[in-house]
C-alpha atoms as a PDB file:
ATOM      1  CA  MET A   1       9.519  18.530 -14.539  1.00  0.00           C
ATOM      2  CA  SER A   2       8.995  18.332 -10.715  1.00  0.00           C
ATOM      3  CA  GLN A   3      11.250  16.231  -8.598  1.00  0.00           C
ATOM      4  CA  VAL A   4       8.316  14.355  -7.006  1.00  0.00           C
ATOM      5  CA  THR A   5       4.839  13.293  -8.429  1.00  0.00           C
ATOM      6  CA  ILE A   6       2.322  12.744  -5.959  1.00  0.00           C
ATOM      7  CA  VAL A   7      -0.298  10.126  -6.988  1.00  0.00           C
ATOM      8  CA  GLN A   8      -3.708   9.213  -5.731  1.00  0.00           C
ATOM      9  CA  VAL A   9      -6.275   6.729  -7.210  1.00  0.00           C
ATOM     10  CA  ILE A  10      -9.628   8.054  -6.135  1.00  0.00           C
ATOM     11  CA  TYR A  11     -12.503   5.468  -5.653  1.00  0.00           C
ATOM     12  CA  ASN A  12     -15.560   7.171  -4.180  1.00  0.00           C
ATOM     13  CA  SER A  13     -13.632   8.888  -1.614  1.00  0.00           C
ATOM     14  CA  ARG A  14     -15.044  12.444  -1.663  1.00  0.00           C
ATOM     15  CA  LYS A  15     -15.203  12.695   2.006  1.00  0.00           C
ATOM     16  CA  PHE A  16     -11.413  12.577   2.287  1.00  0.00           C
ATOM     17  CA  ILE A  17     -10.510  14.874  -0.491  1.00  0.00           C
ATOM     18  CA  LYS A  18     -10.293  18.170   1.524  1.00  0.00           C
ATOM     19  CA  PRO A  19      -8.179  17.161   4.453  1.00  0.00           C
ATOM     20  CA  VAL A  20      -5.979  14.924   2.252  1.00  0.00           C
ATOM     21  CA  PHE A  21      -5.353  17.244  -0.414  1.00  0.00           C
ATOM     22  CA  SER A  22      -4.918  20.283   2.004  1.00  0.00           C
ATOM     23  CA  ALA A  23      -2.274  18.285   3.680  1.00  0.00           C
ATOM     24  CA  ILE A  24      -0.625  17.757   0.243  1.00  0.00           C
ATOM     25  CA  PHE A  25      -0.383  21.486  -0.505  1.00  0.00           C
ATOM     26  CA  GLU A  26       0.951  22.250   3.056  1.00  0.00           C
ATOM     27  CA  GLN A  27       4.063  20.264   2.504  1.00  0.00           C
ATOM     28  CA  THR A  28       7.224  22.052   3.349  1.00  0.00           C
ATOM     29  CA  PHE A  29       8.883  20.434   0.281  1.00  0.00           C
ATOM     30  CA  LYS A  30       7.473  22.256  -2.682  1.00  0.00           C
ATOM     31  CA  ASP A  31       8.960  20.862  -5.918  1.00  0.00           C
ATOM     32  CA  PHE A  32       6.069  18.470  -6.694  1.00  0.00           C
ATOM     33  CA  ASN A  33       3.002  18.099  -8.989  1.00  0.00           C
ATOM     34  CA  VAL A  34      -0.129  16.032  -8.274  1.00  0.00           C
ATOM     35  CA  ALA A  35      -1.991  13.662 -10.246  1.00  0.00           C
ATOM     36  CA  ALA A  36      -5.286  11.920  -9.408  1.00  0.00           C
ATOM     37  CA  VAL A  37      -6.695   8.985 -11.206  1.00  0.00           C
ATOM     38  CA  ILE A  38     -10.495   8.448 -10.980  1.00  0.00           C
ATOM     39  CA  SER A  39     -11.387   4.792 -10.557  1.00  0.00           C
ATOM     40  CA  GLY A  40     -14.810   5.499  -9.023  1.00  0.00           C
ATOM     41  CA  ASN A  41     -17.016   8.640  -8.974  1.00  0.00           C
ATOM     42  CA  GLU A  42     -20.352   7.734  -7.678  1.00  0.00           C
ATOM     43  CA  ASP A  43     -20.079  10.235  -5.014  1.00  0.00           C
ATOM     44  CA  GLY A  44     -18.973  13.299  -7.091  1.00  0.00           C
ATOM     45  CA  GLY A  45     -15.506  13.273  -5.968  1.00  0.00           C
ATOM     46  CA  LYS A  46     -14.115  14.212  -9.394  1.00  0.00           C
ATOM     47  CA  GLU A  47     -16.069  17.335  -9.609  1.00  0.00           C
ATOM     48  CA  PHE A  48     -15.284  18.321  -5.932  1.00  0.00           C
ATOM     49  CA  LEU A  49     -11.567  17.807  -6.517  1.00  0.00           C
ATOM     50  CA  LYS A  50     -11.719  19.939  -9.690  1.00  0.00           C
ATOM     51  CA  GLU A  51     -13.431  22.721  -7.752  1.00  0.00           C
ATOM     52  CA  LYS A  52     -11.382  22.732  -4.648  1.00  0.00           C
ATOM     53  CA  PHE A  53      -7.887  21.801  -5.985  1.00  0.00           C
ATOM     54  CA  PRO A  54      -7.826  22.914  -9.676  1.00  0.00           C
ATOM     55  CA  GLN A  55      -4.038  22.434  -9.675  1.00  0.00           C
ATOM     56  CA  VAL A  56      -4.360  18.657  -9.612  1.00  0.00           C
ATOM     57  CA  GLU A  57      -4.140  16.887 -12.991  1.00  0.00           C
ATOM     58  CA  ILE A  58      -7.009  14.479 -13.233  1.00  0.00           C
ATOM     59  CA  PHE A  59      -7.141  11.278 -15.381  1.00  0.00           C
ATOM     60  CA  ASP A  60     -10.561   9.556 -15.783  1.00  0.00           C
ATOM     61  CA  PRO A  61     -10.430   6.298 -17.849  1.00  0.00           C
ATOM     62  CA  GLY A  62     -14.222   5.956 -17.183  1.00  0.00           C
ATOM     63  CA  TYR A  63     -14.102   2.706 -15.372  1.00  0.00           C
ATOM     64  CA  ASN A  64     -12.660   1.113 -12.193  1.00  0.00           C
ATOM     65  CA  ILE A  65      -9.265   0.711 -13.482  1.00  0.00           C
ATOM     66  CA  GLY A  66      -7.807  -0.605 -10.121  1.00  0.00           C
ATOM     67  CA  PHE A  67      -4.950   0.516  -7.967  1.00  0.00           C
ATOM     68  CA  ALA A  68      -2.153  -1.162  -9.790  1.00  0.00           C
ATOM     69  CA  ALA A  69      -3.069   0.057 -13.414  1.00  0.00           C
ATOM     70  CA  GLY A  70      -4.173   3.539 -11.982  1.00  0.00           C
ATOM     71  CA  HIS A  71      -0.748   4.157 -10.569  1.00  0.00           C
ATOM     72  CA  ASN A  72       1.023   2.684 -13.534  1.00  0.00           C
ATOM     73  CA  LEU A  73      -0.780   5.281 -15.834  1.00  0.00           C
ATOM     74  CA  VAL A  74       0.695   8.045 -13.834  1.00  0.00           C
ATOM     75  CA  PHE A  75       4.369   6.502 -13.606  1.00  0.00           C
ATOM     76  CA  GLU A  76       4.171   6.129 -17.334  1.00  0.00           C
ATOM     77  CA  LYS A  77       3.359   9.726 -17.950  1.00  0.00           C
ATOM     78  CA  TYR A  78       5.720  11.530 -15.595  1.00  0.00           C
ATOM     79  CA  GLN A  79       9.434  11.456 -15.538  1.00  0.00           C
ATOM     80  CA  SER A  80       9.792  12.776 -11.941  1.00  0.00           C
ATOM     81  CA  ASP A  81      12.785  11.346  -9.839  1.00  0.00           C
ATOM     82  CA  PHE A  82      10.286   9.969  -7.220  1.00  0.00           C
ATOM     83  CA  PHE A  83       6.733   9.122  -6.799  1.00  0.00           C
ATOM     84  CA  GLN A  84       4.978   9.818  -3.509  1.00  0.00           C
ATOM     85  CA  LEU A  85       1.765   7.727  -3.316  1.00  0.00           C
ATOM     86  CA  VAL A  86      -1.072   9.044  -1.059  1.00  0.00           C
ATOM     87  CA  ASN A  87      -4.013   6.802  -0.256  1.00  0.00           C
ATOM     88  CA  PRO A  88      -7.393   8.548  -0.157  1.00  0.00           C
ATOM     89  CA  ASP A  89      -7.525   8.000   3.506  1.00  0.00           C
ATOM     90  CA  PHE A  90      -3.998   8.919   4.282  1.00  0.00           C
ATOM     91  CA  VAL A  91      -3.012  12.466   5.611  1.00  0.00           C
ATOM     92  CA  MET A  92       0.685  13.632   5.808  1.00  0.00           C
ATOM     93  CA  GLN A  93       2.188  15.894   8.442  1.00  0.00           C
ATOM     94  CA  PRO A  94       3.623  18.985   6.665  1.00  0.00           C
ATOM     95  CA  ASP A  95       7.234  17.741   6.641  1.00  0.00           C
ATOM     96  CA  TYR A  96       6.493  14.091   5.519  1.00  0.00           C
ATOM     97  CA  MET A  97       7.878  14.395   1.982  1.00  0.00           C
ATOM     98  CA  GLU A  98      10.726  16.269   3.039  1.00  0.00           C
ATOM     99  CA  LYS A  99      11.807  13.483   5.738  1.00  0.00           C
ATOM    100  CA  MET A 100      11.045  10.817   3.258  1.00  0.00           C
ATOM    101  CA  LEU A 101      13.274  12.326   0.521  1.00  0.00           C
ATOM    102  CA  SER A 102      16.165  12.372   3.003  1.00  0.00           C
ATOM    103  CA  ALA A 103      16.223   8.466   3.151  1.00  0.00           C
ATOM    104  CA  PHE A 104      16.965   8.517  -0.680  1.00  0.00           C
ATOM    105  CA  ASN A 105      20.313  10.056  -0.055  1.00  0.00           C
ATOM    106  CA  ASP A 106      21.357   6.402  -0.010  1.00  0.00           C
ATOM    107  CA  PRO A 107      21.505   5.523  -3.713  1.00  0.00           C
ATOM    108  CA  ARG A 108      20.432   1.902  -2.935  1.00  0.00           C
ATOM    109  CA  VAL A 109      17.133   2.927  -1.425  1.00  0.00           C
ATOM    110  CA  GLY A 110      14.365   2.112  -3.903  1.00  0.00           C
ATOM    111  CA  ALA A 111      11.290   2.573  -1.657  1.00  0.00           C
ATOM    112  CA  ALA A 112      10.445   4.109   1.640  1.00  0.00           C
ATOM    113  CA  THR A 113       7.512   4.400   3.991  1.00  0.00           C
ATOM    114  CA  GLY A 114       7.055   6.808   6.960  1.00  0.00           C
ATOM    115  CA  ARG A 115       5.614   6.051  10.565  1.00  0.00           C
ATOM    116  CA  LEU A 116       1.795   5.708   9.872  1.00  0.00           C
ATOM    117  CA  TYR A 117      -0.567   5.937  12.728  1.00  0.00           C
ATOM    118  CA  HIS A 118      -4.134   4.700  12.659  1.00  0.00           C
ATOM    119  CA  LEU A 119      -6.709   7.392  12.749  1.00  0.00           C
ATOM    120  CA  ASP A 120     -10.463   6.847  12.506  1.00  0.00           C
ATOM    121  CA  ALA A 121     -11.909   7.539   9.019  1.00  0.00           C
ATOM    122  CA  ASP A 122     -14.613   9.758  10.374  1.00  0.00           C
ATOM    123  CA  VAL A 123     -11.982  11.844  12.172  1.00  0.00           C
ATOM    124  CA  ILE A 124      -9.893  12.353   9.062  1.00  0.00           C
ATOM    125  CA  ALA A 125     -12.946  12.999   6.962  1.00  0.00           C
ATOM    126  CA  SER A 126     -14.265  15.634   9.566  1.00  0.00           C
ATOM    127  CA  SER A 127     -11.006  17.360  10.231  1.00  0.00           C
ATOM    128  CA  GLY A 128     -11.293  19.742   7.230  1.00  0.00           C
ATOM    129  CA  PHE A 129      -7.507  20.845   7.574  1.00  0.00           C
ATOM    130  CA  PRO A 130      -4.368  19.025   8.407  1.00  0.00           C
ATOM    131  CA  ILE A 131      -3.782  20.718  12.031  1.00  0.00           C
ATOM    132  CA  SER A 132      -2.479  18.048  14.224  1.00  0.00           C
ATOM    133  CA  ASN A 133      -4.133  19.157  17.322  1.00  0.00           C
ATOM    134  CA  ARG A 134      -7.579  18.550  15.682  1.00  0.00           C
ATOM    135  CA  TRP A 135      -6.876  14.996  16.122  1.00  0.00           C
ATOM    136  CA  ALA A 136      -5.825  15.124  19.879  1.00  0.00           C
ATOM    137  CA  ASN A 137      -8.003  13.511  22.429  1.00  0.00           C
ATOM    138  CA  ALA A 138      -9.613  15.281  25.504  1.00  0.00           C
ATOM    139  CA  LYS A 139      -6.060  14.949  27.274  1.00  0.00           C
ATOM    140  CA  GLY A 140      -4.307  16.537  24.382  1.00  0.00           C
ATOM    141  CA  GLN A 141      -2.678  13.281  23.300  1.00  0.00           C
ATOM    142  CA  MET A 142      -2.061  12.486  19.638  1.00  0.00           C
ATOM    143  CA  PRO A 143      -2.771   9.127  18.058  1.00  0.00           C
ATOM    144  CA  ASP A 144      -0.195   6.621  19.128  1.00  0.00           C
ATOM    145  CA  VAL A 145      -1.491   3.375  17.734  1.00  0.00           C
ATOM    146  CA  LEU A 146       0.596   2.278  14.768  1.00  0.00           C
ATOM    147  CA  ASP A 147      -0.810   1.419  11.324  1.00  0.00           C
ATOM    148  CA  THR A 148       2.431   0.426   9.611  1.00  0.00           C
ATOM    149  CA  THR A 149       6.225   0.788   9.854  1.00  0.00           C
ATOM    150  CA  GLY A 150       6.903  -1.378   6.886  1.00  0.00           C
ATOM    151  CA  LEU A 151       5.993  -4.827   5.908  1.00  0.00           C
ATOM    152  CA  VAL A 152       7.212  -8.367   7.148  1.00  0.00           C
ATOM    153  CA  PHE A 153       7.167 -11.286   4.848  1.00  0.00           C
ATOM    154  CA  SER A 154       7.121 -14.890   6.285  1.00  0.00           C
ATOM    155  CA  LYS A 155       8.166 -18.206   4.781  1.00  0.00           C
ATOM    156  CA  SER A 156       4.444 -19.286   5.074  1.00  0.00           C
ATOM    157  CA  GLY A 157       3.397 -16.520   2.686  1.00  0.00           C
ATOM    158  CA  ARG A 158       1.823 -14.420   5.390  1.00  0.00           C
ATOM    159  CA  VAL A 159       2.559 -10.594   4.872  1.00  0.00           C
ATOM    160  CA  ARG A 160       1.689  -8.299   7.779  1.00  0.00           C
ATOM    161  CA  ASP A 161       2.290  -4.495   8.484  1.00  0.00           C
ATOM    162  CA  ARG A 162       4.915  -4.272  11.183  1.00  0.00           C
ATOM    163  CA  GLY A 163       3.526  -2.823  14.439  1.00  0.00           C
ATOM    164  CA  GLN A 164      -0.107  -2.635  13.426  1.00  0.00           C
ATOM    165  CA  HIS A 165      -2.389  -2.157  16.381  1.00  0.00           C
ATOM    166  CA  GLU A 166       0.654  -1.630  18.718  1.00  0.00           C
ATOM    167  CA  THR A 167       1.157   1.493  20.821  1.00  0.00           C
ATOM    168  CA  ASP A 168       4.055   3.272  19.598  1.00  0.00           C
ATOM    169  CA  LEU A 169       6.949   3.234  22.227  1.00  0.00           C
ATOM    170  CA  GLY A 170       9.631   3.645  19.700  1.00  0.00           C
ATOM    171  CA  GLN A 171      10.218  -0.043  19.448  1.00  0.00           C
ATOM    172  CA  TYR A 172      10.896   0.148  15.664  1.00  0.00           C
ATOM    173  CA  ASN A 173      13.052   3.471  15.570  1.00  0.00           C
ATOM    174  CA  SER A 174      16.344   1.771  15.022  1.00  0.00           C
ATOM    175  CA  ASP A 175      14.945  -0.921  12.586  1.00  0.00           C
ATOM    176  CA  THR A 176      14.998   0.903   9.404  1.00  0.00           C
ATOM    177  CA  LEU A 177      15.636  -1.759   6.809  1.00  0.00           C
ATOM    178  CA  VAL A 178      12.348  -3.554   6.184  1.00  0.00           C
ATOM    179  CA  ALA A 179      11.198  -6.288   3.812  1.00  0.00           C
ATOM    180  CA  GLY A 180       8.731  -4.094   2.123  1.00  0.00           C
ATOM    181  CA  VAL A 181       6.600  -0.899   2.288  1.00  0.00           C
ATOM    182  CA  CYS A 182       2.826  -0.318   2.412  1.00  0.00           C
ATOM    183  CA  ALA A 183       1.740   1.663  -0.588  1.00  0.00           C
ATOM    184  CA  ALA A 184      -0.569   3.927   1.444  1.00  0.00           C
ATOM    185  CA  GLY A 185       2.232   6.411   1.956  1.00  0.00           C
ATOM    186  CA  ALA A 186       5.004   4.968   0.205  1.00  0.00           C
ATOM    187  CA  MET A 187       7.630   6.799  -1.995  1.00  0.00           C
ATOM    188  CA  TYR A 188       9.465   5.130  -4.871  1.00  0.00           C
ATOM    189  CA  ARG A 189      12.639   5.978  -6.709  1.00  0.00           C
ATOM    190  CA  ARG A 190      11.875   5.909 -10.535  1.00  0.00           C
ATOM    191  CA  THR A 191      15.086   4.258 -11.535  1.00  0.00           C
ATOM    192  CA  ALA A 192      14.221   1.517  -8.941  1.00  0.00           C
ATOM    193  CA  ILE A 193      10.793   0.633 -10.220  1.00  0.00           C
ATOM    194  CA  GLU A 194      12.050   1.185 -13.745  1.00  0.00           C
ATOM    195  CA  SER A 195      14.468  -1.682 -13.106  1.00  0.00           C
ATOM    196  CA  VAL A 196      11.877  -4.225 -11.966  1.00  0.00           C
ATOM    197  CA  LYS A 197       9.042  -3.230 -14.473  1.00  0.00           C
ATOM    198  CA  GLU A 198       7.129  -6.064 -16.052  1.00  0.00           C
ATOM    199  CA  PRO A 199       5.117  -6.150 -19.200  1.00  0.00           C
ATOM    200  CA  THR A 200       2.095  -5.799 -16.977  1.00  0.00           C
ATOM    201  CA  GLY A 201       3.591  -2.623 -15.393  1.00  0.00           C
ATOM    202  CA  TYR A 202       5.521  -1.274 -12.386  1.00  0.00           C
ATOM    203  CA  PHE A 203       2.772  -2.570 -10.194  1.00  0.00           C
ATOM    204  CA  ASP A 204       1.482  -5.704 -11.603  1.00  0.00           C
ATOM    205  CA  SER A 205      -1.801  -4.801 -13.265  1.00  0.00           C
ATOM    206  CA  ASP A 206      -2.897  -8.491 -13.310  1.00  0.00           C
ATOM    207  CA  PHE A 207      -3.446  -8.176  -9.598  1.00  0.00           C
ATOM    208  CA  HIS A 208      -5.838  -5.129 -10.064  1.00  0.00           C
ATOM    209  CA  THR A 209      -6.060  -4.315  -6.275  1.00  0.00           C
ATOM    210  CA  THR A 210      -4.447  -5.756  -3.207  1.00  0.00           C
ATOM    211  CA  TYR A 211      -0.937  -7.090  -2.720  1.00  0.00           C
ATOM    212  CA  GLU A 212       0.497  -5.068  -5.559  1.00  0.00           C
ATOM    213  CA  ASP A 213       2.614  -3.148  -3.110  1.00  0.00           C
ATOM    214  CA  VAL A 214       3.920  -6.410  -1.577  1.00  0.00           C
ATOM    215  CA  ASP A 215       4.700  -7.701  -5.053  1.00  0.00           C
ATOM    216  CA  LEU A 216       6.653  -4.456  -5.918  1.00  0.00           C
ATOM    217  CA  SER A 217       8.423  -4.413  -2.693  1.00  0.00           C
ATOM    218  CA  TRP A 218       9.604  -7.997  -3.032  1.00  0.00           C
ATOM    219  CA  ARG A 219      10.640  -7.479  -6.652  1.00  0.00           C
ATOM    220  CA  LEU A 220      12.665  -4.544  -5.475  1.00  0.00           C
ATOM    221  CA  ALA A 221      14.406  -6.394  -2.801  1.00  0.00           C
ATOM    222  CA  ASN A 222      15.120  -9.237  -4.992  1.00  0.00           C
ATOM    223  CA  ARG A 223      16.782  -6.911  -7.485  1.00  0.00           C
ATOM    224  CA  GLY A 224      19.048  -5.639  -4.588  1.00  0.00           C
ATOM    225  CA  TRP A 225      17.201  -2.372  -3.677  1.00  0.00           C
ATOM    226  CA  LYS A 226      16.605  -1.332   0.034  1.00  0.00           C
ATOM    227  CA  ASN A 227      13.019  -0.966   1.226  1.00  0.00           C
ATOM    228  CA  ILE A 228      13.253   1.658   4.167  1.00  0.00           C
ATOM    229  CA  PHE A 229      11.321   2.851   7.151  1.00  0.00           C
ATOM    230  CA  VAL A 230      11.710   6.599   7.870  1.00  0.00           C
ATOM    231  CA  PRO A 231      10.567   7.007  11.552  1.00  0.00           C
ATOM    232  CA  ASP A 232      10.433  10.851  11.421  1.00  0.00           C
ATOM    233  CA  ALA A 233       8.066  10.910   8.476  1.00  0.00           C
ATOM    234  CA  ILE A 234       4.641  10.914  10.149  1.00  0.00           C
ATOM    235  CA  GLY A 235       1.281  10.250   8.613  1.00  0.00           C
ATOM    236  CA  TYR A 236      -2.220   9.140   9.508  1.00  0.00           C
ATOM    237  CA  HIS A 237      -4.076   6.312   7.847  1.00  0.00           C
ATOM    238  CA  ALA A 238      -7.674   5.141   8.252  1.00  0.00           C
ATOM    239  CA  ARG A 239      -7.066   1.832   6.376  1.00  0.00           C
ATOM    240  CA  GLY A 240     -10.321   0.101   5.194  1.00  0.00           C
ATOM    241  CA  ALA A 241      -8.861  -3.464   5.443  1.00  0.00           C
ATOM    242  CA  ALA A 242      -6.434  -3.985   8.407  1.00  0.00           C
ATOM    243  CA  GLY A 243      -5.336  -7.190   9.878  1.00  0.00           C
ATOM    244  CA  THR A 244      -7.186  -8.103  13.136  1.00  0.00           C
ATOM    245  CA  ILE A 245      -5.622  -7.772  16.641  1.00  0.00           C
ATOM    246  CA  GLY A 246      -4.208 -11.237  17.423  1.00  0.00           C
ATOM    247  CA  GLY A 247      -4.587 -12.446  13.881  1.00  0.00           C
ATOM    248  CA  TYR A 248      -5.562 -16.085  13.411  1.00  0.00           C
ATOM    249  CA  LYS A 249      -4.907 -16.793  17.123  1.00  0.00           C
ATOM    250  CA  LYS A 250      -8.262 -15.079  17.869  1.00  0.00           C
ATOM    251  CA  VAL A 251     -10.356 -17.051  15.585  1.00  0.00           C
ATOM    252  CA  PHE A 252     -13.799 -15.498  16.310  1.00  0.00           C
ATOM    253  CA  SER A 253     -12.595 -12.048  15.915  1.00  0.00           C
ATOM    254  CA  PHE A 254     -11.030 -13.045  12.800  1.00  0.00           C
ATOM    255  CA  ILE A 255     -14.023 -14.567  11.291  1.00  0.00           C
ATOM    256  CA  LYS A 256     -16.175 -11.490  12.274  1.00  0.00           C
ATOM    257  CA  TYR A 257     -13.774  -9.030  10.819  1.00  0.00           C
ATOM    258  CA  HIS A 258     -13.392 -10.885   7.509  1.00  0.00           C
ATOM    259  CA  LYS A 259     -17.181 -11.085   7.095  1.00  0.00           C
ATOM    260  CA  LYS A 260     -17.301  -7.287   6.945  1.00  0.00           C
ATOM    261  CA  LEU A 261     -14.760  -7.121   4.149  1.00  0.00           C
ATOM    262  CA  ASN A 262     -15.886  -6.365   0.570  1.00  0.00           C
ATOM    263  CA  PRO A 263     -16.449  -9.712  -1.009  1.00  0.00           C
ATOM    264  CA  LEU A 264     -14.268  -8.763  -4.060  1.00  0.00           C
ATOM    265  CA  ILE A 265     -11.398  -7.641  -1.782  1.00  0.00           C
ATOM    266  CA  ARG A 266     -11.656 -10.942  -0.057  1.00  0.00           C
ATOM    267  CA  GLN A 267     -11.307 -12.660  -3.432  1.00  0.00           C
ATOM    268  CA  LEU A 268      -8.437 -10.656  -4.762  1.00  0.00           C
ATOM    269  CA  SER A 269      -6.554 -10.854  -1.458  1.00  0.00           C
ATOM    270  CA  PHE A 270      -6.817 -14.636  -1.686  1.00  0.00           C
ATOM    271  CA  ARG A 271      -5.646 -14.964  -5.171  1.00  0.00           C
ATOM    272  CA  ASN A 272      -2.974 -12.265  -5.082  1.00  0.00           C
ATOM    273  CA  HIS A 273      -1.105 -13.485  -1.916  1.00  0.00           C
ATOM    274  CA  ILE A 274      -0.676 -16.706  -3.861  1.00  0.00           C
ATOM    275  CA  PHE A 275       0.423 -14.979  -6.882  1.00  0.00           C
ATOM    276  CA  THR A 276       3.039 -12.787  -4.811  1.00  0.00           C
ATOM    277  CA  TYR A 277       4.410 -15.911  -3.310  1.00  0.00           C
ATOM    278  CA  VAL A 278       4.821 -17.865  -6.607  1.00  0.00           C
ATOM    279  CA  LYS A 279       6.392 -14.863  -8.406  1.00  0.00           C
ATOM    280  CA  ASN A 280       8.895 -13.842  -5.618  1.00  0.00           C
ATOM    281  CA  SER A 281       9.678 -16.438  -3.046  1.00  0.00           C
ATOM    282  CA  PRO A 282      13.105 -18.194  -3.354  1.00  0.00           C
ATOM    283  CA  TYR A 283      11.666 -21.465  -2.306  1.00  0.00           C
ATOM    284  CA  PHE A 284       8.227 -23.163  -1.799  1.00  0.00           C
ATOM    285  CA  TYR A 285       8.696 -23.585   1.863  1.00  0.00           C
ATOM    286  CA  PRO A 286       6.603 -26.290   3.880  1.00  0.00           C
ATOM    287  CA  GLN A 287       5.157 -23.601   5.950  1.00  0.00           C
ATOM    288  CA  PHE A 288       3.452 -22.198   2.905  1.00  0.00           C
ATOM    289  CA  PHE A 289       1.649 -25.446   2.074  1.00  0.00           C
ATOM    290  CA  VAL A 290       0.583 -25.887   5.555  1.00  0.00           C
ATOM    291  CA  ARG A 291      -0.798 -22.332   5.902  1.00  0.00           C
ATOM    292  CA  GLU A 292      -2.584 -22.672   2.508  1.00  0.00           C
ATOM    293  CA  PHE A 293      -4.263 -25.859   3.522  1.00  0.00           C
ATOM    294  CA  PHE A 294      -5.752 -24.394   6.657  1.00  0.00           C
ATOM    295  CA  MET A 295      -6.669 -21.233   4.831  1.00  0.00           C
ATOM    296  CA  PHE A 296      -8.582 -23.175   2.191  1.00  0.00           C
ATOM    297  CA  LEU A 297     -10.561 -25.027   4.816  1.00  0.00           C
ATOM    298  CA  TYR A 298     -11.360 -21.861   6.502  1.00  0.00           C
ATOM    299  CA  ILE A 299     -12.651 -20.326   3.299  1.00  0.00           C
ATOM    300  CA  LEU A 300     -14.540 -23.491   2.490  1.00  0.00           C
ATOM    301  CA  LEU A 301     -16.394 -23.297   5.764  1.00  0.00           C
ATOM    302  CA  PHE A 302     -16.816 -19.612   6.301  1.00  0.00           C
ATOM    303  CA  GLU A 303     -16.342 -17.798   3.071  1.00  0.00           C
ATOM    304  CA  PRO A 304     -17.282 -20.031   0.131  1.00  0.00           C
ATOM    305  CA  GLY A 305     -18.054 -17.052  -2.043  1.00  0.00           C
ATOM    306  CA  THR A 306     -14.377 -16.244  -2.074  1.00  0.00           C
ATOM    307  CA  LEU A 307     -13.831 -19.316  -4.070  1.00  0.00           C
ATOM    308  CA  LYS A 308     -15.510 -17.566  -7.018  1.00  0.00           C
ATOM    309  CA  ILE A 309     -12.046 -16.139  -7.768  1.00  0.00           C
ATOM    310  CA  LEU A 310     -10.638 -19.727  -8.668  1.00  0.00           C
ATOM    311  CA  PRO A 311     -11.313 -19.573 -12.450  1.00  0.00           C
ATOM    312  CA  SER A 312      -9.448 -16.294 -12.672  1.00  0.00           C
ATOM    313  CA  MET A 313      -6.512 -17.722 -10.538  1.00  0.00           C
ATOM    314  CA  ILE A 314      -6.222 -21.019 -12.610  1.00  0.00           C
ATOM    315  CA  LYS A 315      -6.143 -18.947 -15.689  1.00  0.00           C
ATOM    316  CA  LEU A 316      -3.418 -16.545 -14.593  1.00  0.00           C
ATOM    317  CA  LEU A 317      -1.320 -18.909 -12.617  1.00  0.00           C
ATOM    318  CA  PRO A 318       0.784 -20.133 -15.658  1.00  0.00           C
ATOM    319  CA  LYS A 319       1.505 -16.398 -16.434  1.00  0.00           C
ATOM    320  CA  MET A 320       2.648 -15.819 -12.853  1.00  0.00           C
ATOM    321  CA  TRP A 321       4.985 -18.771 -13.133  1.00  0.00           C
ATOM    322  CA  ARG A 322       6.496 -17.361 -16.294  1.00  0.00           C
ATOM    323  CA  LYS A 323       7.036 -14.036 -14.530  1.00  0.00           C
ATOM    324  CA  ARG A 324       8.852 -16.187 -11.821  1.00  0.00           C
ATOM    325  CA  LYS A 325      10.992 -17.734 -14.370  1.00  0.00           C
ATOM    326  CA  SER A 326      11.898 -14.610 -15.980  1.00  0.00           C
ATOM    327  CA  ALA A 327      13.198 -13.234 -12.700  1.00  0.00           C
ATOM    328  CA  GLN A 328      15.148 -16.387 -11.808  1.00  0.00           C
ATOM    329  CA  GLY A 329      18.648 -15.657 -10.566  1.00  0.00           C
ATOM    330  CA  LEU A 330      17.338 -12.316  -8.988  1.00  0.00           C
ATOM    331  CA  ILE A 331      15.238 -13.947  -6.270  1.00  0.00           C
ATOM    332  CA  LEU A 332      16.968 -13.667  -2.852  1.00  0.00           C
ATOM    333  CA  ALA A 333      16.390 -15.720   0.376  1.00  0.00           C
ATOM    334  CA  GLY A 334      17.115 -12.892   2.825  1.00  0.00           C
ATOM    335  CA  ASN A 335      13.788 -11.164   2.898  1.00  0.00           C
ATOM    336  CA  LEU A 336      11.698 -13.915   4.847  1.00  0.00           C
ATOM    337  CA  ALA A 337      11.199 -13.941   8.688  1.00  0.00           C
END
């Protein structure tokens, strides 16, 4: 059994397969196997992957299994010590996994993320091979705008990627302990995720997609595991749904951006951010109710279609409360900003 299993859930992402999987097989660390779960194949990505990278083991459930359940399928099958997640639009530098694994020399580290830079999706798709200087601009400068250096959790329930949209000036180099890790390029220790596994899986499959990485990070932290930022592990991420620059402070930009998001993603994000808080927060802080009140007003005025998720939310909320109760005594207050 390989020390690391690399996992990707593919959803109509054929255009990224060549650069992303080329980068995987150019890793300096070699003791790994690769598994891909097909969640959507309208663009023929499955057949293309089989042709170009026959060493990848492919699982095709025949329907949109979702991010959470798709990864759980692989976590269940393989007994590797570590799992390296690779989003369809995430490209690793050749020593990414080698650097990531070094963080796990600390036996209390349960999850880690590298330093992810934002790179335009078309640039990644057209690169063809993970050679860094293909992505340099006319002045020879590499991308320097951060995508994530870890997750920040707030008492209000807001979760954001630390450093997103910021120019990297090394401002996070020394802050390696983080509240959580974005799953785009995360690595997880098997024994850690086993310790927080729920009846619905390692990732909570009730979430389907979005916030499952936040939920898992929070459960790991509540159990006493460390979530770590590894500044020397470099990757590039296109990210289909990022936060807006300025967030809620720039109202019109926020509205314009949210209108472009897939309606299902908006619905699941609304539902799952509440589920994550209900399951994991040590207290129901006043900031949470204030934020939810204004968020509900915003949705009512500008995104009423998001409320279609309410029946699903109401149906599953008692189940989320039971999950909270089952974890009582493990929930810690130290993870919130």
